[in-house]
Amino acid sequence: SADSIRRLVDLARAYLQDAKYYKEQKRLEVSLASIAYCEGLLDALRILGMVKFEWPKRTEKSEPSF
């Protein structure tokens, strides 16, 4: 349902914010775990066909955006 999707996207957003916070705190392992949870939630929604999106393709020169 739309409410379930919204809840999972909100959780993913919270994990993204956590990842940014822990990166600033130089707690890179926790930051990595947080961003992995974020990506996992979004991938699950995509795989289940509940949302449609594609991850951007990284080029050799591009840097991570978070």
Foldseek 3Di string as FASTA:
>chain_A
DVVVVVVLLVQLVVLQVVLVVVVVVVVNVSSVVSNVSSVVSVVVCVVVVVDDDDDDDDDPPDDDDD
